[in-house]
């Protein structure tokens, strides 16, 4: 095993488990080709990075990320579907009016990015975690860059605000990638045919919402945003909700939705502050209650 890989780990962890890691690496790569060796080395490097950052499965940070990962995917899928519904609705209305519609290269690329994001998030929720998350990240980056490119010459204050607006979806899409591998949800859909059917359902769902309300009447009540989010949460499954056991995990799981709603324009700053304040008060109340229960069970 390359000594550089071992030295990526914290010194204490390396002293305690270095020989075991080296033996496991040799067993995994015995007789393997360059591609398998590279994949194994990447896994070791990623594990070492998690140990250094304190986000492994044995750390509280890793468990927080594991609790938030499926909800980050749901927020990513819902946000991509929301944007696609708006684009498809505009195209449908223009075509129905008999007007020639040319979306342009950047708009087409942006919508392709949203579609790729939706497909990736759905595939990840189905259980193909890494390929799906990587696909969602690429799609989000493509749509954000396509949106930002024609307006980057705007005044600096507006450009910086838009950078935040476009960077947040990328960060939310990348959040599930930090989930420790041994805490990732098990596969919920078996076989390629099942995954394909789920992806086709997601695409048809977007088309159905666009056709049902092409004029955006639903914007008066945010069902164009809410319905895709509810559908994405249904894909998350009951187990992900059961895994949320602490207020911190609840806050981490809710953060992607709060950020997405804020940058989508559905909630204002004061409403975000209210939600964060409510979570903080709840955390303090729960901690006081647990402490009082512990004092009653174990009196001094």
Protein backbone atom coordinates (compact mmCIF):
# COMPACT_ATOMS: atom_id res chain seq x y z
CA UNK A 1 0.00 0.00 0.00
CA UNK A 2 1.24 3.47 -0.85
CA UNK A 3 2.41 5.10 2.43
CA UNK A 4 0.94 8.41 1.26
CA UNK A 5 -2.55 6.94 1.58
CA UNK A 6 -1.95 5.94 5.18
CA UNK A 7 -0.54 9.35 6.06
CA UNK A 8 -3.82 10.94 4.96
CA UNK A 9 -5.34 9.60 8.19
CA UNK A 10 -5.01 11.42 11.52
CA UNK A 11 -1.93 10.25 13.42
CA UNK A 12 -3.87 8.62 16.27
CA UNK A 13 -6.17 6.73 13.94
CA UNK A 14 -3.20 5.67 11.81
CA UNK A 15 -1.34 4.26 14.81
CA UNK A 16 -4.40 2.34 16.00
CA UNK A 17 -5.69 0.99 12.70
CA UNK A 18 -2.93 1.54 10.12
CA UNK A 19 -1.95 -2.14 9.85
CA UNK A 20 -5.58 -3.19 9.52
CA UNK A 21 -6.20 -0.64 6.76
CA UNK A 22 -3.08 -1.74 4.88
CA UNK A 23 -4.08 -5.41 5.11
CA UNK A 24 -7.60 -4.67 3.89
CA UNK A 25 -6.22 -2.68 0.98
CA UNK A 26 -3.84 -5.50 -0.03
CA UNK A 27 -6.68 -8.04 0.09
CA UNK A 28 -9.00 -5.83 -1.95
CA UNK A 29 -6.42 -5.12 -4.65
CA UNK A 30 -4.74 -8.54 -4.87
CA UNK A 31 -4.71 -9.46 -8.57
CA UNK A 32 -6.82 -6.41 -9.43
CA UNK A 33 -6.26 -4.17 -12.42
CA UNK A 34 -5.31 -0.48 -12.42
CA UNK A 35 -8.94 0.64 -12.45
CA UNK A 36 -9.85 -1.39 -9.36
CA UNK A 37 -6.71 -0.19 -7.58
CA UNK A 38 -7.57 3.42 -8.37
CA UNK A 39 -11.12 2.96 -7.08
CA UNK A 40 -9.87 1.36 -3.86
CA UNK A 41 -7.31 4.13 -3.37
CA UNK A 42 -10.05 6.73 -3.86
CA UNK A 43 -12.18 4.98 -1.23
CA UNK A 44 -9.28 4.99 1.23
CA UNK A 45 -8.56 8.68 0.56
CA UNK A 46 -12.23 9.57 1.01
CA UNK A 47 -12.38 7.65 4.28
CA UNK A 48 -9.24 9.39 5.53
CA UNK A 49 -10.72 12.77 4.63
CA UNK A 50 -13.88 11.95 6.58
CA UNK A 51 -11.77 10.98 9.59
CA UNK A 52 -9.87 14.27 9.43
CA UNK A 53 -13.05 16.33 9.03
CA UNK A 54 -14.89 14.42 11.75
CA UNK A 55 -17.71 13.30 9.47
CA UNK A 56 -17.22 9.55 9.56
CA UNK A 57 -19.97 7.20 10.69
CA UNK A 58 -18.46 7.12 14.21
CA UNK A 59 -18.68 10.91 14.50
CA UNK A 60 -21.73 13.01 15.34
CA UNK A 61 -21.09 15.07 12.19
CA UNK A 62 -21.27 11.97 10.02
CA UNK A 63 -24.57 10.95 11.58
CA UNK A 64 -25.95 14.44 11.03
CA UNK A 65 -24.97 14.31 7.35
CA UNK A 66 -26.49 10.85 7.01
CA UNK A 67 -29.79 12.09 8.44
CA UNK A 68 -29.80 15.12 6.12
CA UNK A 69 -28.64 13.34 2.92
CA UNK A 70 -31.99 11.93 1.73
CA UNK A 71 -33.73 15.23 2.43
CA UNK A 72 -31.04 17.09 0.49
CA UNK A 73 -31.83 14.79 -2.44
CA UNK A 74 -35.55 15.44 -2.02
CA UNK A 75 -35.01 19.22 -1.98
CA UNK A 76 -32.80 18.94 -5.08
CA UNK A 77 -35.36 16.83 -6.94
CA UNK A 78 -38.26 19.09 -5.97
CA UNK A 79 -36.43 22.27 -6.93
CA UNK A 80 -35.39 20.85 -10.32
CA UNK A 81 -38.94 19.68 -10.98
CA UNK A 82 -40.31 23.10 -10.02
CA UNK A 83 -38.02 24.85 -12.51
CA UNK A 84 -38.82 22.33 -15.23
CA UNK A 85 -42.56 22.79 -14.68
CA UNK A 86 -42.15 26.53 -15.24
CA UNK A 87 -40.13 26.04 -18.44
CA UNK A 88 -42.41 23.36 -19.88
CA UNK A 89 -45.50 25.44 -19.01
CA UNK A 90 -44.10 28.47 -20.86
CA UNK A 91 -43.26 26.33 -23.89
CA UNK A 92 -46.72 24.71 -23.83
CA UNK A 93 -48.54 28.05 -23.66
CA UNK A 94 -46.46 29.58 -26.45
CA UNK A 95 -46.92 26.56 -28.72
CA UNK A 96 -50.66 26.44 -27.98
CA UNK A 97 -50.91 30.08 -29.08
CA UNK A 98 -49.36 29.13 -32.42
CA UNK A 99 -46.22 31.17 -31.83
CA UNK A 100 -42.89 29.75 -32.92
CA UNK A 101 -40.84 29.11 -29.79
CA UNK A 102 -37.05 29.16 -29.89
CA UNK A 103 -35.73 28.72 -26.37
CA UNK A 104 -32.15 29.49 -27.35
CA UNK A 105 -29.01 27.51 -26.64
CA UNK A 106 -28.49 28.67 -23.06
CA UNK A 107 -32.13 28.14 -22.07
CA UNK A 108 -32.08 24.67 -23.61
CA UNK A 109 -28.86 23.88 -21.77
CA UNK A 110 -30.32 25.18 -18.52
CA UNK A 111 -33.43 23.00 -18.86
CA UNK A 112 -31.26 20.02 -19.76
CA UNK A 113 -29.37 20.66 -16.53
CA UNK A 114 -32.61 20.71 -14.53
CA UNK A 115 -33.70 17.44 -16.16
CA UNK A 116 -30.32 15.84 -15.42
CA UNK A 117 -30.57 17.05 -11.82
CA UNK A 118 -34.04 15.57 -11.43
CA UNK A 119 -32.97 12.24 -12.92
CA UNK A 120 -29.86 12.10 -10.72
CA UNK A 121 -31.74 12.88 -7.51
CA UNK A 122 -34.43 10.29 -8.30
CA UNK A 123 -31.80 7.65 -9.12
CA UNK A 124 -30.00 8.40 -5.83
CA UNK A 125 -33.25 8.15 -3.87
CA UNK A 126 -33.86 4.81 -5.56
CA UNK A 127 -30.61 3.55 -4.04
CA UNK A 128 -27.88 4.20 -6.64
CA UNK A 129 -26.36 6.80 -4.37
CA UNK A 130 -23.02 7.90 -5.82
CA UNK A 131 -23.94 7.85 -9.55
CA UNK A 132 -27.20 9.62 -8.82
CA UNK A 133 -25.63 12.31 -6.62
CA UNK A 134 -22.85 12.97 -9.15
CA UNK A 135 -25.45 13.26 -11.91
CA UNK A 136 -27.47 15.73 -9.80
CA UNK A 137 -24.37 17.82 -9.06
CA UNK A 138 -23.40 18.00 -12.74
CA UNK A 139 -26.95 18.95 -13.73
CA UNK A 140 -27.17 21.65 -11.08
CA UNK A 141 -23.83 23.14 -12.10
CA UNK A 142 -24.89 23.15 -15.77
CA UNK A 143 -28.20 24.90 -15.05
CA UNK A 144 -26.58 27.44 -12.71
CA UNK A 145 -23.78 28.32 -15.14
CA UNK A 146 -26.26 28.56 -18.03
CA UNK A 147 -28.35 30.98 -16.00
CA UNK A 148 -25.40 33.07 -14.82
CA UNK A 149 -23.45 33.30 -18.09
CA UNK A 150 -25.53 35.97 -19.89
CA UNK A 151 -25.84 38.20 -16.81
CA UNK A 152 -22.37 38.02 -15.26
CA UNK A 153 -21.61 41.54 -16.57
CA UNK A 154 -24.28 43.03 -14.30
CA UNK A 155 -23.30 45.41 -11.46
CA UNK A 156 -21.14 43.63 -8.86
CA UNK A 157 -23.74 43.84 -6.07
CA UNK A 158 -26.38 42.11 -8.21
CA UNK A 159 -23.91 39.57 -9.52
CA UNK A 160 -22.84 38.57 -6.01
CA UNK A 161 -26.48 38.10 -4.98
CA UNK A 162 -27.08 35.90 -8.02
CA UNK A 163 -23.97 33.86 -7.29
CA UNK A 164 -25.42 33.00 -3.88
CA UNK A 165 -28.75 32.21 -5.49
CA UNK A 166 -27.11 29.83 -7.96
CA UNK A 167 -24.47 28.36 -5.64
CA UNK A 168 -26.92 27.18 -2.98
CA UNK A 169 -28.59 24.52 -5.19
CA UNK A 170 -25.13 23.15 -6.04
CA UNK A 171 -24.22 22.87 -2.35
CA UNK A 172 -27.51 21.17 -1.53
CA UNK A 173 -27.06 18.73 -4.41
CA UNK A 174 -23.52 17.95 -3.18
CA UNK A 175 -24.58 17.48 0.46
CA UNK A 176 -25.53 13.77 0.11
CA UNK A 177 -22.04 13.02 -1.24
CA UNK A 178 -20.68 13.66 2.27
CA UNK A 179 -22.87 10.93 3.78
CA UNK A 180 -20.66 8.11 5.17
CA UNK A 181 -20.92 5.04 2.90
CA UNK A 182 -21.95 2.69 5.72
CA UNK A 183 -24.84 4.99 6.67
CA UNK A 184 -26.30 5.37 3.19
CA UNK A 185 -29.88 4.09 2.79
CA UNK A 186 -30.20 0.64 1.29
CA UNK A 187 -31.50 0.24 -2.23
CA UNK A 188 -35.23 0.83 -2.39
CA UNK A 189 -35.72 -0.09 -6.06
CA UNK A 190 -34.31 -3.34 -7.41
CA UNK A 191 -33.19 -3.70 -10.99
CA UNK A 192 -32.54 -1.29 -13.84
CA UNK A 193 -36.13 -1.60 -15.06
CA UNK A 194 -37.46 -0.32 -11.73
CA UNK A 195 -35.11 2.65 -11.74
CA UNK A 196 -36.03 3.47 -15.34
CA UNK A 197 -39.73 3.31 -14.46
CA UNK A 198 -39.17 5.69 -11.53
CA UNK A 199 -37.27 8.16 -13.72
CA UNK A 200 -40.00 7.98 -16.39
CA UNK A 201 -42.62 8.61 -13.71
CA UNK A 202 -40.73 11.72 -12.54
CA UNK A 203 -40.55 13.10 -16.10
CA UNK A 204 -44.24 12.40 -16.75
CA UNK A 205 -45.08 13.98 -13.40
CA UNK A 206 -43.43 17.23 -14.53
CA UNK A 207 -45.30 17.14 -17.85
CA UNK A 208 -48.62 16.48 -16.08
CA UNK A 209 -48.18 19.46 -13.74
CA UNK A 210 -47.31 21.68 -16.70
CA UNK A 211 -50.36 20.64 -18.70
CA UNK A 212 -52.77 20.84 -15.74
CA UNK A 213 -51.78 24.43 -14.89
CA UNK A 214 -49.83 25.93 -17.81
CA UNK A 215 -50.78 29.54 -17.00
CA UNK A 216 -49.34 29.40 -13.52
CA UNK A 217 -52.64 29.97 -11.70
CA UNK A 218 -51.25 27.65 -9.06
CA UNK A 219 -48.64 30.26 -8.23
CA UNK A 220 -51.32 31.98 -6.16
CA UNK A 221 -50.96 28.97 -3.90
CA UNK A 222 -47.51 27.46 -4.33
CA UNK A 223 -48.57 24.02 -5.51
CA UNK A 224 -46.13 24.12 -8.44
CA UNK A 225 -43.47 24.10 -5.72
CA UNK A 226 -45.24 22.13 -3.00
CA UNK A 227 -46.47 19.16 -5.01
CA UNK A 228 -43.03 18.22 -6.40
CA UNK A 229 -41.57 18.56 -2.89
CA UNK A 230 -44.26 16.26 -1.46
CA UNK A 231 -43.64 13.75 -4.25
CA UNK A 232 -39.88 13.87 -3.55
CA UNK A 233 -40.48 13.34 0.17
CA UNK A 234 -42.61 10.30 -0.70
CA UNK A 235 -39.56 8.88 -2.49
CA UNK A 236 -37.45 9.49 0.61
CA UNK A 237 -39.45 6.87 2.46
CA UNK A 238 -40.55 6.35 6.04
CA UNK A 239 -37.18 5.03 7.22
CA UNK A 240 -35.43 8.36 6.63
CA UNK A 241 -37.99 10.10 8.86
CA UNK A 242 -37.58 7.46 11.57
CA UNK A 243 -33.81 7.99 11.57
CA UNK A 244 -34.27 11.61 12.73
CA UNK A 245 -33.95 11.32 16.50
CA UNK A 246 -32.50 14.64 17.65
CA UNK A 247 -33.27 18.30 17.14
CA UNK A 248 -29.90 18.78 15.42
CA UNK A 249 -30.75 16.07 12.90
CA UNK A 250 -34.15 17.67 12.34
CA UNK A 251 -32.49 21.03 11.72
CA UNK A 252 -29.99 19.54 9.27
CA UNK A 253 -32.75 17.66 7.46
CA UNK A 254 -34.92 20.78 7.20
CA UNK A 255 -32.12 23.15 6.16
CA UNK A 256 -32.11 22.15 2.45
CA UNK A 257 -35.85 22.85 2.21
CA UNK A 258 -35.59 26.18 4.02
CA UNK A 259 -32.71 27.26 1.76
CA UNK A 260 -34.51 26.07 -1.36
CA UNK A 261 -37.73 27.86 -0.43
CA UNK A 262 -35.80 31.05 0.35
CA UNK A 263 -33.87 31.10 -2.91
CA UNK A 264 -37.03 30.16 -4.82
CA UNK A 265 -38.77 33.21 -3.40
CA UNK A 266 -41.42 31.30 -1.47
CA UNK A 267 -40.32 32.49 1.96
CA UNK A 268 -38.86 35.80 3.08
CA UNK A 269 -35.93 36.48 5.37
CA UNK A 270 -38.09 37.16 8.41
CA UNK A 271 -39.91 33.85 7.92
CA UNK A 272 -36.61 31.99 7.74
CA UNK A 273 -35.50 33.69 10.95
CA UNK A 274 -38.78 32.63 12.60
CA UNK A 275 -38.25 28.99 11.61
CA UNK A 276 -34.64 29.00 12.81
CA UNK A 277 -35.71 30.61 16.06
CA UNK A 278 -38.42 27.98 16.60
CA UNK A 279 -35.87 25.22 16.05
CA UNK A 280 -33.49 26.81 18.53
CA UNK A 281 -36.21 27.13 21.19
CA UNK A 282 -37.24 23.52 20.58
CA UNK A 283 -33.64 22.36 20.96
CA UNK A 284 -33.26 24.17 24.29
CA UNK A 285 -36.60 22.83 25.57
CA UNK A 286 -35.71 19.26 24.64
CA UNK A 287 -32.29 19.52 26.27
CA UNK A 288 -33.81 20.87 29.50
CA UNK A 289 -36.41 18.11 29.49
CA UNK A 290 -33.82 15.38 28.91
CA UNK A 291 -31.66 16.79 31.69
CA UNK A 292 -34.58 16.87 34.14
CA UNK A 293 -35.58 13.31 33.19
CA UNK A 294 -31.99 12.18 33.72
CA UNK A 295 -31.89 13.88 37.14
CA UNK A 296 -35.08 12.09 38.19
CA UNK A 297 -33.76 8.70 37.05
CA UNK A 298 -30.29 9.20 38.54
CA UNK A 299 -30.67 11.45 41.60
CA UNK A 300 -27.43 12.59 43.21
